[in-house]
Amino acid sequence: MRLNLRAKMLIFTAVIAALPLIVAGQSVIRVARDELKSAANEQLAVTVDKVTGEFNDFLEYSLYTPLDLIRNAISGEQLGFEEKIVVLRQGIADLPDVVVLQVDVDGVPRPITVVQEAYFDRLKAHFDNPLDVLRVDAGQFDMPADGRSAAQVVQIEETGDWLATVSLPIPGGIRERAATLHARVNLARLRGAVEGNPFAKTGSIHVVDGGGRVVFASDGQPWNQPAVLAKARDMLAAGTATVAVEPFTLDDGSISLGAIALTRALPFAVVAEKAEADAYAPVNDMIRSLAQWLAIGLVAALAGALLFALGISRPILRIGEAASEIAKGNLAHRVRGVASRDEIGDLATRFNDMIVQLNERFELQKFVSAGTMRAIQDSDARTVHLGGERRQMAVLFADIRGYTAFSENREPEEVVTVLNSYFQKLADIVTANHGDIDKYVGDQIMAVFAGANMSKHAVECAIGMMNAMNEMASQTSADLKIGIGVNTGEVVVGAMGSTHRKDFTVLGDHVNLAARLCSAADPDQTLVSRVVYDALPAKLRDAARALPPISVKGKKAPIEIHAFAARQMQAA
């Protein structure tokens, strides 16, 4: 993209005005971002630690302690069977989170089961026999040898409740038989602790089990983040006790800051998350405020720069407009309206001087051939050295016949006008046939052709010239014809003359022969050498007429020639 001077000045001003604010703002934002990230990580760690603490306290103090009293009360033979049933029922009444108390005794086919009536009635809406759902299958539990309690968790999908099964071996057994106390615990209180956590207002808390299932969620929304779940499952499998705090890339490409911790009494992982965008919300507010002040500063700076730029850029734009006009070929255009007495005013004056010199050079260019221009352009030193090189070229000489008689009875101005009109038409034909006019000699034109088809191009050019002369003769009072000679061969191409005055042309015996053929040609006739004839395509050779060999100056042997006439080609 091209930028003008005015735009560059405005951009420079904007950079100078904005750069200090941007650099300082980035430093402040970086520090604030680091502080906010540290604070967010600390908040996440504190949250998961608090939630896991509530889970651990719920089981270890709110349940294990009264359950321990119950199992000790029903152990041994101090109480009878009825009294033990009373103890179990009282335990159910005093522990609202316990929905089932069950005692399994070795050798006794049926366990002793006491259920919470309210929960039992709730399950009746979903099951014909809720006791089948609530009863604990002792075979599913592998009690540790050291007598520690074991806890397992199941979900009742119909109600959405999660029940933890706590199994405690009864010391001393019952009637000298090993016995175990099982308690089904409703974890609804823990659900409330998760959903009511203050952190849920700015983030989310999820409790997952070892299978990746979401047990509790603070927002109640569907949640499935593979990266976070994989980390939680790995920690559960390894039994990692430390709190893991790290960023996670979510499925939508966003970043989430998360902390994961494990509960001691239950096989759960507590995950606290906060979107990085939410954690950095104060930074975003800071960025918006900084952007507002930056915009105000830029507007003020750009307004001043615009006024200054207008005073400088307008003269330069006028010079640019003049350059565009010159590029279009309008050398009459001049830089106007620049009156400043400084470097820009001097530039406008020098630019006008350059236009004058360019005009002179363009006019001089018309007096030299295209070959001369290429020689100058191809010269590394921009100086064409005297000398030449050998090349294969076709050379055409065309001489206007009847010109002397025509000019005798006419004013010189009229003669020049008519001659120039003919030369203009003939020059266009040379260019159209890939030729280059080497020079004009009075009423004669010398043109050269190069390339693989140079002979064909030269002959087609000659035929076009003859036809054009006939057309112009019918439209004017001048009865002018043209005689043309064409020869092909090795010539010397280069600069000839002196160091002060040079002429870029072609020389050699084959050039002389083309001139001799032109002199020998009749009006409205083109003579070509045998070399040219042999190089022509069949259609052109068929249009040529063989003539008797002729003798020319500088050649000992007669020259074989063929002739083309405009009327023959028109008929063909």
Protein backbone atom coordinates (compact mmCIF):
# COMPACT_ATOMS: atom_id res chain seq x y z
CA MET A 1 0.00 0.00 0.00
CA ARG A 2 1.36 3.40 -1.01
CA LEU A 3 1.25 6.18 1.60
CA ASN A 4 1.49 9.84 0.71
CA LEU A 5 3.54 12.33 2.70
CA ARG A 6 0.54 13.61 4.60
CA ALA A 7 -0.38 10.11 5.74
CA LYS A 8 3.21 9.40 6.75
CA MET A 9 3.35 12.56 8.85
CA LEU A 10 0.07 11.65 10.53
CA ILE A 11 1.29 8.12 11.19
CA PHE A 12 4.58 9.43 12.58
CA THR A 13 2.70 11.79 14.88
CA ALA A 14 0.39 9.00 15.99
CA VAL A 15 3.34 6.74 16.77
CA ILE A 16 5.13 9.44 18.75
CA ALA A 17 1.96 10.20 20.70
CA ALA A 18 0.90 6.61 21.27
CA LEU A 19 4.22 4.85 21.81
CA PRO A 20 4.91 6.09 25.39
CA LEU A 21 1.34 5.31 26.46
CA ILE A 22 1.44 1.90 24.87
CA VAL A 23 4.80 0.96 26.41
CA ALA A 24 3.80 2.20 29.85
CA GLY A 25 0.36 0.65 29.52
CA GLN A 26 1.81 -2.72 28.55
CA SER A 27 4.05 -2.72 31.61
CA VAL A 28 1.16 -1.87 33.90
CA ILE A 29 -1.09 -4.42 32.24
CA ARG A 30 1.58 -7.13 32.45
CA VAL A 31 2.08 -6.52 36.17
CA ALA A 32 -1.68 -6.37 36.78
CA ARG A 33 -2.22 -9.55 34.76
CA ASP A 34 0.41 -11.40 36.80
CA GLU A 35 -1.11 -10.18 40.05
CA LEU A 36 -4.61 -11.12 38.95
CA LYS A 37 -3.45 -14.55 37.82
CA SER A 38 -1.77 -15.11 41.17
CA ALA A 39 -4.88 -13.92 43.00
CA ALA A 40 -7.13 -16.10 40.81
CA ASN A 41 -4.96 -19.15 41.41
CA GLU A 42 -4.99 -18.50 45.13
CA GLN A 43 -8.78 -18.08 45.08
CA LEU A 44 -9.14 -21.35 43.18
CA ALA A 45 -6.86 -23.20 45.59
CA VAL A 46 -8.69 -21.80 48.62
CA THR A 47 -12.06 -22.74 47.08
CA VAL A 48 -11.22 -26.38 46.39
CA ASP A 49 -9.53 -26.66 49.78
CA LYS A 50 -12.63 -25.31 51.48
CA VAL A 51 -15.02 -27.59 49.55
CA THR A 52 -12.92 -30.70 50.15
CA GLY A 53 -12.71 -29.68 53.81
CA GLU A 54 -16.51 -29.54 53.99
CA PHE A 55 -16.73 -32.99 52.37
CA ASN A 56 -14.18 -34.44 54.76
CA ASP A 57 -15.76 -32.84 57.83
CA PHE A 58 -19.20 -34.04 56.79
CA LEU A 59 -18.14 -37.68 56.77
CA GLU A 60 -15.37 -37.78 59.35
CA TYR A 61 -17.05 -35.71 62.06
CA SER A 62 -20.77 -35.46 61.24
CA LEU A 63 -21.14 -39.15 60.35
CA TYR A 64 -18.22 -41.30 61.39
CA THR A 65 -18.36 -40.19 65.01
CA PRO A 66 -22.10 -40.99 65.61
CA LEU A 67 -21.83 -44.14 63.48
CA ASP A 68 -18.91 -45.22 65.60
CA LEU A 69 -21.05 -44.76 68.73
CA ILE A 70 -23.85 -46.81 67.15
CA ARG A 71 -21.61 -49.73 66.18
CA ASN A 72 -20.03 -49.79 69.61
CA ALA A 73 -23.50 -49.75 71.22
CA ILE A 74 -24.73 -52.75 69.27
CA SER A 75 -21.56 -54.79 69.61
CA GLY A 76 -21.24 -57.63 72.10
CA GLU A 77 -24.03 -59.05 74.26
CA GLN A 78 -24.74 -56.07 76.52
CA LEU A 79 -27.94 -55.22 74.64
CA GLY A 80 -30.61 -57.60 73.51
CA PHE A 81 -31.96 -57.83 69.98
CA GLU A 82 -34.84 -55.44 70.61
CA GLU A 83 -32.58 -52.88 72.27
CA LYS A 84 -30.19 -52.99 69.30
CA ILE A 85 -33.10 -52.32 66.92
CA VAL A 86 -34.03 -49.32 69.06
CA VAL A 87 -30.46 -48.02 68.87
CA LEU A 88 -30.52 -48.32 65.06
CA ARG A 89 -33.87 -46.55 64.79
CA GLN A 90 -32.71 -43.77 67.09
CA GLY A 91 -29.59 -43.41 64.97
CA ILE A 92 -31.73 -42.98 61.85
CA ALA A 93 -33.79 -40.34 63.63
CA ASP A 94 -30.75 -38.41 64.89
CA LEU A 95 -28.84 -38.56 61.57
CA PRO A 96 -31.02 -36.96 58.85
CA ASP A 97 -28.40 -37.64 56.15
CA VAL A 98 -28.47 -41.40 56.82
CA VAL A 99 -31.28 -43.12 54.91
CA VAL A 100 -30.41 -46.76 55.73
CA LEU A 101 -28.66 -48.53 58.61
CA GLN A 102 -27.93 -52.20 57.99
CA VAL A 103 -26.17 -54.83 60.11
CA ASP A 104 -24.75 -57.95 58.48
CA VAL A 105 -23.86 -60.88 60.78
CA ASP A 106 -21.92 -63.86 59.52
CA GLY A 107 -24.12 -66.92 59.29
CA VAL A 108 -27.36 -64.95 59.47
CA PRO A 109 -29.12 -65.08 56.10
CA ARG A 110 -31.00 -61.81 56.43
CA PRO A 111 -29.42 -58.54 57.54
CA ILE A 112 -30.95 -56.21 60.10
CA THR A 113 -32.18 -53.15 58.10
CA VAL A 114 -33.62 -49.87 59.39
CA VAL A 115 -34.67 -47.22 56.79
CA GLN A 116 -35.61 -43.55 56.98
CA GLU A 117 -39.34 -43.48 56.43
CA ALA A 118 -39.44 -40.11 54.60
CA TYR A 119 -36.83 -41.20 52.08
CA PHE A 120 -38.46 -44.62 51.79
CA ASP A 121 -41.76 -42.98 50.90
CA ARG A 122 -40.00 -40.77 48.33
CA LEU A 123 -38.61 -43.80 46.54
CA LYS A 124 -42.04 -45.43 46.37
CA ALA A 125 -42.90 -43.04 43.52
CA HIS A 126 -40.16 -44.70 41.43
CA PHE A 127 -39.77 -48.27 42.72
CA ASP A 128 -42.19 -51.01 43.72
CA ASN A 129 -39.89 -52.15 46.53
CA PRO A 130 -37.52 -49.34 47.58
CA LEU A 131 -35.85 -51.67 50.07
CA ASP A 132 -34.25 -53.56 47.16
CA VAL A 133 -32.60 -50.30 46.11
CA LEU A 134 -31.53 -49.23 49.59
CA ARG A 135 -30.33 -52.60 50.91
CA VAL A 136 -26.54 -52.92 50.93
CA ASP A 137 -25.00 -55.93 49.17
CA ALA A 138 -22.19 -56.84 51.53
CA GLY A 139 -20.50 -58.90 48.81
CA GLN A 140 -19.67 -55.70 46.93
CA PHE A 141 -17.44 -54.40 49.72
CA ASP A 142 -13.90 -55.46 50.39
CA MET A 143 -13.32 -54.58 54.05
CA PRO A 144 -9.75 -53.67 54.91
CA ALA A 145 -7.93 -56.05 57.25
CA ASP A 146 -6.96 -53.28 59.70
CA GLY A 147 -10.60 -52.52 60.49
CA ARG A 148 -10.78 -49.13 58.82
CA SER A 149 -14.05 -48.00 57.32
CA ALA A 150 -14.72 -48.15 53.57
CA ALA A 151 -16.93 -45.74 51.55
CA GLN A 152 -18.44 -46.27 48.10
CA VAL A 153 -20.81 -44.04 46.10
CA VAL A 154 -23.77 -44.90 43.86
CA GLN A 155 -26.34 -42.76 42.06
CA ILE A 156 -30.06 -43.36 41.97
CA GLU A 157 -30.72 -42.13 38.45
CA GLU A 158 -34.48 -41.91 38.92
CA THR A 159 -34.15 -39.28 41.66
CA GLY A 160 -30.70 -37.93 40.84
CA ASP A 161 -29.53 -38.59 44.42
CA TRP A 162 -26.03 -39.69 45.22
CA LEU A 163 -25.68 -42.13 48.12
CA ALA A 164 -22.42 -42.93 49.88
CA THR A 165 -22.17 -46.34 51.51
CA VAL A 166 -20.06 -46.37 54.69
CA SER A 167 -19.13 -49.76 56.09
CA LEU A 168 -17.74 -50.13 59.61
CA PRO A 169 -16.71 -53.48 61.13
CA ILE A 170 -18.35 -53.99 64.54
CA PRO A 171 -15.67 -54.68 67.15
CA GLY A 172 -16.28 -57.98 68.96
CA GLY A 173 -19.07 -58.83 66.54
CA ILE A 174 -22.51 -59.92 67.65
CA ARG A 175 -22.98 -63.21 69.57
CA GLU A 176 -19.38 -64.04 68.83
CA ARG A 177 -19.96 -63.71 65.12
CA ALA A 178 -18.29 -61.14 62.83
CA ALA A 179 -20.61 -58.30 61.97
CA THR A 180 -20.51 -55.11 59.87
CA LEU A 181 -22.50 -51.89 60.14
CA HIS A 182 -23.46 -50.38 56.77
CA ALA A 183 -24.90 -46.87 56.40
CA ARG A 184 -26.34 -45.35 53.25
CA VAL A 185 -25.74 -41.60 53.41
CA ASN A 186 -27.60 -39.07 51.23
CA LEU A 187 -25.06 -36.51 49.95
CA ALA A 188 -27.68 -33.82 49.28
CA ARG A 189 -26.12 -31.62 51.98
CA LEU A 190 -22.83 -31.66 50.07
CA ARG A 191 -24.70 -30.70 46.90
CA GLY A 192 -26.03 -27.64 48.74
CA ALA A 193 -22.52 -26.79 49.95
CA VAL A 194 -21.28 -26.81 46.35
CA GLU A 195 -24.19 -24.85 44.89
CA GLY A 196 -24.15 -22.28 47.69
CA ASN A 197 -20.40 -21.63 47.62
CA PRO A 198 -19.68 -17.88 47.04
CA PHE A 199 -17.18 -18.79 44.33
CA ALA A 200 -20.09 -19.96 42.15
CA LYS A 201 -20.93 -16.30 41.44
CA THR A 202 -17.73 -15.77 39.43
CA GLY A 203 -16.69 -19.32 38.55
CA SER A 204 -17.87 -22.90 38.64
CA ILE A 205 -17.37 -25.86 40.96
CA HIS A 206 -17.75 -29.45 39.83
CA VAL A 207 -17.36 -32.66 41.78
CA VAL A 208 -16.44 -35.69 39.66
CA ASP A 209 -15.82 -39.35 40.44
CA GLY A 210 -13.20 -41.71 39.10
CA GLY A 211 -15.29 -42.51 36.04
CA GLY A 212 -15.45 -38.87 34.98
CA ARG A 213 -19.10 -38.48 35.99
CA VAL A 214 -20.21 -35.13 37.32
CA VAL A 215 -21.60 -35.72 40.80
CA PHE A 216 -22.38 -32.13 41.78
CA ALA A 217 -22.17 -28.83 39.87
CA SER A 218 -22.50 -25.29 41.20
CA ASP A 219 -24.38 -24.05 38.12
CA GLY A 220 -26.38 -27.14 37.20
CA GLN A 221 -25.34 -26.79 33.54
CA PRO A 222 -24.01 -29.63 31.34
CA TRP A 223 -20.25 -29.79 31.65
CA ASN A 224 -17.72 -31.87 29.76
CA GLN A 225 -14.20 -30.57 29.50
CA PRO A 226 -11.91 -33.46 28.46
CA ALA A 227 -8.67 -31.74 29.52
CA VAL A 228 -9.94 -31.01 33.04
CA LEU A 229 -11.61 -34.41 33.43
CA ALA A 230 -8.47 -36.23 32.32
CA LYS A 231 -6.42 -34.39 34.95
CA ALA A 232 -9.00 -35.17 37.65
CA ARG A 233 -9.13 -38.88 36.72
CA ASP A 234 -5.33 -39.11 36.76
CA MET A 235 -5.23 -37.57 40.24
CA LEU A 236 -7.94 -39.96 41.50
CA ALA A 237 -6.13 -42.95 40.05
CA ALA A 238 -2.83 -41.88 41.62
CA GLY A 239 -4.40 -40.73 44.88
CA THR A 240 -2.63 -37.35 44.62
CA ALA A 241 -3.09 -35.44 47.85
CA THR A 242 -1.78 -32.05 46.67
CA VAL A 243 -3.87 -29.31 45.11
CA ALA A 244 -3.22 -28.94 41.35
CA VAL A 245 -3.60 -25.40 39.98
CA GLU A 246 -3.00 -24.87 36.24
CA PRO A 247 -4.56 -23.44 33.05
CA PHE A 248 -6.59 -25.69 30.75
CA THR A 249 -7.38 -25.26 27.07
CA LEU A 250 -11.08 -25.97 26.54
CA ASP A 251 -12.78 -27.40 23.46
CA ASP A 252 -13.81 -23.96 22.20
CA GLY A 253 -10.19 -22.77 22.32
CA SER A 254 -10.65 -20.59 25.40
CA ILE A 255 -8.41 -20.81 28.46
CA SER A 256 -9.74 -21.80 31.87
CA LEU A 257 -7.86 -21.45 35.15
CA GLY A 258 -8.57 -24.49 37.29
CA ALA A 259 -7.73 -26.05 40.65
CA ILE A 260 -8.31 -29.73 41.52
CA ALA A 261 -8.20 -31.42 44.94
CA LEU A 262 -9.27 -34.86 46.24
CA THR A 263 -11.52 -35.62 49.20
CA ARG A 264 -10.20 -38.06 51.78
CA ALA A 265 -13.33 -40.02 52.73
CA LEU A 266 -15.00 -40.14 49.28
CA PRO A 267 -13.53 -41.03 45.84
CA PHE A 268 -14.27 -37.54 44.53
CA ALA A 269 -12.23 -34.80 42.88
CA VAL A 270 -13.33 -31.21 43.46
CA VAL A 271 -12.71 -28.95 40.43
CA ALA A 272 -12.93 -25.16 40.70
CA GLU A 273 -12.73 -23.23 37.40
CA LYS A 274 -12.76 -19.66 36.28
CA ALA A 275 -12.52 -18.43 32.70
CA GLU A 276 -9.28 -16.60 32.07
CA ALA A 277 -11.29 -13.74 30.54
CA ASP A 278 -13.27 -13.39 33.80
CA ALA A 279 -10.12 -13.58 35.89
CA TYR A 280 -8.59 -10.80 33.83
CA ALA A 281 -11.74 -8.67 33.71
CA PRO A 282 -10.13 -5.81 35.71
CA VAL A 283 -7.27 -5.81 33.22
CA ASN A 284 -9.78 -5.51 30.38
CA ASP A 285 -11.35 -2.54 32.15
CA MET A 286 -7.89 -1.04 32.49
CA ILE A 287 -7.21 -1.60 28.81
CA ARG A 288 -10.49 0.10 27.85
CA SER A 289 -9.64 3.09 30.02
CA LEU A 290 -6.16 3.26 28.55
CA ALA A 291 -7.61 3.03 25.04
CA GLN A 292 -9.95 5.93 25.74
CA TRP A 293 -7.14 8.19 26.92
CA LEU A 294 -4.98 7.01 24.05
CA ALA A 295 -7.75 7.90 21.59
CA ILE A 296 -8.12 11.38 23.12
CA GLY A 297 -4.37 11.97 22.89
CA LEU A 298 -4.21 10.72 19.33
CA VAL A 299 -7.09 12.93 18.20
CA ALA A 300 -5.39 16.00 19.66
CA ALA A 301 -2.01 15.07 18.16
CA LEU A 302 -3.45 14.21 14.76
CA ALA A 303 -5.42 17.44 14.58
CA GLY A 304 -2.23 19.46 15.08
CA ALA A 305 -0.28 17.25 12.70
CA LEU A 306 -2.97 17.56 10.02
CA LEU A 307 -2.74 21.35 10.01
CA PHE A 308 1.03 21.16 9.77
CA ALA A 309 0.92 18.45 7.08
CA LEU A 310 -1.47 20.42 4.89
CA GLY A 311 0.98 23.31 4.70
CA ILE A 312 3.74 20.97 3.56
CA SER A 313 1.94 18.36 1.49
CA ARG A 314 -0.07 20.65 -0.81
CA PRO A 315 2.97 21.92 -2.76
CA ILE A 316 4.32 18.38 -2.94
CA LEU A 317 0.97 17.14 -4.23
CA ARG A 318 1.12 19.76 -6.99
CA ILE A 319 4.57 18.50 -7.92
CA GLY A 320 3.17 14.93 -7.86
CA GLU A 321 0.32 15.99 -10.17
CA ALA A 322 2.85 17.49 -12.56
CA ALA A 323 4.83 14.23 -12.50
CA SER A 324 1.65 12.29 -13.38
CA GLU A 325 0.96 14.58 -16.32
CA ILE A 326 4.52 14.16 -17.56
CA ALA A 327 4.16 10.37 -17.27
CA LYS A 328 1.11 10.68 -19.55
CA GLY A 329 3.24 12.56 -22.09
CA ASN A 330 1.93 16.05 -21.34
CA LEU A 331 5.19 17.97 -21.42
CA ALA A 332 3.33 21.29 -21.59
CA HIS A 333 2.29 20.97 -17.94
CA ARG A 334 4.12 23.03 -15.30
CA VAL A 335 4.14 23.13 -11.51
CA ARG A 336 2.10 26.20 -10.49
CA GLY A 337 0.96 27.73 -7.24
CA VAL A 338 4.13 26.94 -5.26
CA ALA A 339 5.49 30.21 -3.94
CA SER A 340 7.23 29.06 -0.75
CA ARG A 341 10.82 30.22 -0.38
CA ASP A 342 12.24 27.00 0.97
CA GLU A 343 13.41 23.60 -0.23
CA ILE A 344 9.98 22.75 -1.63
CA GLY A 345 9.90 25.97 -3.67
CA ASP A 346 13.36 25.17 -5.03
CA LEU A 347 12.18 21.66 -5.88
CA ALA A 348 9.22 23.04 -7.87
CA THR A 349 11.57 25.34 -9.85
CA ARG A 350 13.99 22.52 -10.63
CA PHE A 351 11.06 20.30 -11.61
CA ASN A 352 9.87 22.85 -14.17
CA ASP A 353 13.42 23.07 -15.55
CA MET A 354 13.49 19.29 -15.83
CA ILE A 355 10.26 19.33 -17.85
CA VAL A 356 11.80 21.73 -20.35
CA GLN A 357 14.89 19.52 -20.72
CA LEU A 358 12.78 16.37 -21.07
CA ASN A 359 10.79 18.01 -23.83
CA GLU A 360 14.00 18.82 -25.67
CA ARG A 361 15.29 15.25 -25.28
CA PHE A 362 12.03 13.70 -26.45
CA GLU A 363 12.15 15.85 -29.56
CA LEU A 364 15.78 14.86 -30.17
CA GLN A 365 14.84 11.18 -29.74
CA LYS A 366 12.65 11.42 -32.83
CA PHE A 367 15.77 12.13 -34.93
CA VAL A 368 17.46 8.81 -34.11
CA SER A 369 16.48 5.22 -34.82
CA ALA A 370 15.14 2.69 -32.34
CA GLY A 371 18.40 0.76 -32.71
CA THR A 372 20.31 3.84 -31.58
CA MET A 373 18.08 4.15 -28.51
CA ARG A 374 18.56 0.47 -27.64
CA ALA A 375 22.30 0.82 -28.01
CA ILE A 376 22.31 3.74 -25.58
CA GLN A 377 20.04 1.91 -23.12
CA ASP A 378 22.07 -1.31 -23.26
CA SER A 379 25.37 0.50 -22.72
CA ASP A 380 26.50 0.10 -19.07
CA ALA A 381 28.41 3.37 -19.14
CA ARG A 382 25.50 5.15 -20.89
CA THR A 383 28.07 6.00 -23.60
CA VAL A 384 27.98 4.24 -26.97
CA HIS A 385 31.52 3.44 -28.02
CA LEU A 386 32.66 3.64 -31.62
CA GLY A 387 32.81 0.28 -33.37
CA GLY A 388 30.47 -2.47 -34.41
CA GLU A 389 29.60 -6.16 -34.42
CA ARG A 390 28.56 -8.62 -37.11
CA ARG A 391 24.90 -9.62 -37.34
CA GLN A 392 22.56 -11.30 -39.81
CA MET A 393 19.99 -8.72 -40.91
CA ALA A 394 17.63 -7.90 -43.76
CA VAL A 395 18.12 -4.44 -45.24
CA LEU A 396 15.43 -2.53 -47.18
CA PHE A 397 15.96 0.59 -49.28
CA ALA A 398 12.87 2.44 -50.56
CA ASP A 399 13.16 5.37 -52.95
CA ILE A 400 10.21 7.58 -53.95
CA ARG A 401 10.10 7.93 -57.74
CA GLY A 402 8.77 11.09 -59.39
CA TYR A 403 9.74 13.20 -56.43
CA THR A 404 12.09 15.52 -58.40
CA ALA A 405 9.48 16.29 -61.02
CA PHE A 406 6.86 16.79 -58.34
CA SER A 407 8.96 19.27 -56.37
CA GLU A 408 9.98 21.44 -59.36
CA ASN A 409 6.67 23.28 -59.71
CA ARG A 410 5.63 23.46 -56.04
CA GLU A 411 6.55 25.54 -53.04
CA PRO A 412 9.06 23.91 -50.66
CA GLU A 413 6.51 23.96 -47.80
CA GLU A 414 4.02 21.97 -49.87
CA VAL A 415 6.71 19.52 -50.94
CA VAL A 416 7.77 18.92 -47.34
CA THR A 417 4.16 18.47 -46.24
CA VAL A 418 3.41 15.88 -48.90
CA LEU A 419 6.72 14.08 -48.35
CA ASN A 420 6.14 13.88 -44.59
CA SER A 421 2.65 12.46 -45.08
CA TYR A 422 4.14 9.72 -47.27
CA PHE A 423 6.97 9.06 -44.79
CA GLN A 424 4.48 8.81 -41.91
CA LYS A 425 2.48 6.16 -43.71
CA LEU A 426 5.58 4.23 -44.79
CA ALA A 427 7.15 4.43 -41.31
CA ASP A 428 3.99 2.91 -39.78
CA ILE A 429 4.23 0.02 -42.23
CA VAL A 430 7.87 -0.60 -41.27
CA THR A 431 6.97 -0.69 -37.57
CA ALA A 432 3.99 -2.97 -38.19
CA ASN A 433 6.30 -5.46 -39.90
CA HIS A 434 8.83 -5.57 -37.01
CA GLY A 435 11.31 -3.31 -38.75
CA ASP A 436 13.32 -0.29 -37.64
CA ILE A 437 13.96 2.82 -39.76
CA ASP A 438 17.70 3.35 -39.78
CA LYS A 439 17.64 6.72 -41.54
CA TYR A 440 15.99 9.01 -44.05
CA VAL A 441 18.17 10.16 -46.98
CA GLY A 442 16.27 12.81 -48.94
CA ASP A 443 13.30 10.96 -50.38
CA GLN A 444 14.77 7.56 -49.55
CA ILE A 445 14.10 5.32 -46.51
CA MET A 446 16.55 2.75 -45.12
CA ALA A 447 15.05 0.11 -42.80
CA VAL A 448 16.51 -2.98 -41.14
CA PHE A 449 14.90 -6.23 -39.95
CA ALA A 450 16.23 -8.87 -37.56
CA GLY A 451 15.15 -12.26 -36.29
CA ALA A 452 14.30 -15.65 -37.74
CA ASN A 453 11.68 -14.22 -40.18
CA MET A 454 13.54 -11.09 -41.16
CA SER A 455 13.41 -11.76 -44.94
CA LYS A 456 9.66 -12.46 -44.80
CA HIS A 457 9.02 -9.33 -42.73
CA ALA A 458 11.11 -7.18 -45.08
CA VAL A 459 9.29 -8.40 -48.22
CA GLU A 460 5.85 -8.01 -46.62
CA CYS A 461 6.88 -4.50 -45.58
CA ALA A 462 7.93 -3.71 -49.17
CA ILE A 463 4.63 -4.96 -50.58
CA GLY A 464 2.74 -2.94 -48.00
CA MET A 465 4.69 0.16 -48.97
CA MET A 466 3.89 -0.24 -52.65
CA ASN A 467 0.17 -0.73 -51.95
CA ALA A 468 0.16 2.28 -49.64
CA MET A 469 1.84 4.46 -52.30
CA ASN A 470 -0.86 3.47 -54.79
CA GLU A 471 -3.64 4.31 -52.32
CA MET A 472 -2.12 7.70 -51.50
CA ALA A 473 -1.57 8.50 -55.17
CA SER A 474 -5.27 8.01 -55.83
CA GLN A 475 -6.15 10.40 -53.00
CA THR A 476 -3.73 13.25 -53.89
CA SER A 477 -2.57 15.11 -56.94
CA ALA A 478 0.97 13.79 -56.50
CA ASP A 479 1.82 11.01 -58.94
CA LEU A 480 4.51 9.34 -56.83
CA LYS A 481 5.66 5.72 -56.97
CA ILE A 482 8.23 3.77 -55.02
CA GLY A 483 11.10 1.45 -55.90
CA ILE A 484 12.41 -0.94 -53.29
CA GLY A 485 15.44 -3.20 -52.90
CA VAL A 486 15.79 -5.95 -50.24
CA ASN A 487 18.85 -8.03 -49.38
CA THR A 488 19.77 -10.27 -46.45
CA GLY A 489 23.21 -11.07 -45.11
CA GLU A 490 25.89 -10.41 -42.55
CA VAL A 491 26.37 -6.70 -41.82
CA VAL A 492 28.32 -4.63 -39.30
CA VAL A 493 26.09 -2.92 -36.74
CA GLY A 494 27.47 -0.19 -34.51
CA ALA A 495 28.34 3.43 -33.91
CA MET A 496 30.12 5.14 -36.74
CA GLY A 497 31.64 8.62 -36.82
CA SER A 498 33.66 10.58 -34.26
CA THR A 499 33.53 11.08 -30.50
CA HIS A 500 31.61 14.34 -31.07
CA ARG A 501 29.13 13.17 -33.71
CA LYS A 502 28.04 9.56 -34.09
CA ASP A 503 25.57 7.66 -36.22
CA PHE A 504 24.36 4.20 -35.19
CA THR A 505 23.82 2.34 -38.47
CA VAL A 506 24.56 -0.79 -40.47
CA LEU A 507 27.35 -1.11 -43.04
CA GLY A 508 28.65 -3.77 -45.32
CA ASP A 509 28.54 -5.31 -48.77
CA HIS A 510 25.00 -6.66 -48.26
CA VAL A 511 23.81 -3.15 -47.37
CA ASN A 512 25.33 -1.81 -50.56
CA LEU A 513 23.65 -4.57 -52.58
CA ALA A 514 20.23 -3.64 -51.14
CA ALA A 515 20.86 -0.03 -52.18
CA ARG A 516 21.91 -1.14 -55.70
CA LEU A 517 18.72 -3.24 -56.02
CA CYS A 518 16.65 -0.23 -54.99
CA SER A 519 18.31 1.87 -57.67
CA ALA A 520 17.63 -0.84 -60.28
CA ALA A 521 13.97 -1.28 -59.31
CA ASP A 522 11.30 0.24 -61.52
CA PRO A 523 8.57 2.42 -60.02
CA ASP A 524 6.06 0.28 -58.10
CA GLN A 525 8.51 -2.65 -58.03
CA THR A 526 10.50 -4.50 -55.34
CA LEU A 527 13.72 -6.34 -56.26
CA VAL A 528 15.05 -8.99 -53.88
CA SER A 529 18.24 -11.05 -53.99
CA ARG A 530 18.31 -14.83 -54.34
CA VAL A 531 19.16 -15.15 -50.62
CA VAL A 532 15.98 -13.28 -49.71
CA TYR A 533 13.88 -15.26 -52.17
CA ASP A 534 15.10 -18.64 -50.82
CA ALA A 535 14.20 -17.61 -47.23
CA LEU A 536 10.59 -16.72 -48.10
CA PRO A 537 7.58 -18.98 -47.48
CA ALA A 538 6.04 -20.68 -50.51
CA LYS A 539 3.14 -18.21 -50.83
CA LEU A 540 5.49 -15.25 -51.23
CA ARG A 541 7.83 -17.13 -53.57
CA ASP A 542 4.89 -17.95 -55.81
CA ALA A 543 4.05 -14.25 -56.04
CA ALA A 544 7.59 -13.34 -57.13
CA ARG A 545 8.71 -13.14 -60.74
CA ALA A 546 12.23 -14.18 -61.73
CA LEU A 547 14.14 -11.59 -63.75
CA PRO A 548 17.34 -11.90 -65.72
CA PRO A 549 20.45 -11.43 -63.56
CA ILE A 550 21.73 -7.89 -63.42
CA SER A 551 25.17 -6.41 -62.95
CA VAL A 552 25.62 -3.94 -60.15
CA LYS A 553 28.46 -1.74 -59.08
CA GLY A 554 30.94 -3.54 -56.81
CA LYS A 555 29.96 -7.05 -57.95
CA LYS A 556 31.88 -8.96 -60.62
CA ALA A 557 29.22 -11.62 -61.23
CA PRO A 558 25.65 -10.81 -62.19
CA ILE A 559 23.10 -10.90 -59.36
CA GLU A 560 20.08 -13.20 -59.50
CA ILE A 561 16.97 -11.22 -58.67
CA HIS A 562 13.24 -11.67 -58.25
CA ALA A 563 10.63 -8.97 -58.46
CA PHE A 564 7.40 -8.19 -56.60
CA ALA A 565 4.78 -5.81 -57.87
CA ALA A 566 1.94 -4.33 -55.86
CA ARG A 567 -0.65 -5.14 -58.53
CA GLN A 568 0.48 -8.80 -58.58
CA MET A 569 0.12 -9.14 -54.81
CA GLN A 570 -3.28 -7.45 -54.84
CA ALA A 571 -4.43 -9.91 -57.48
CA ALA A 572 -2.94 -12.79 -55.47
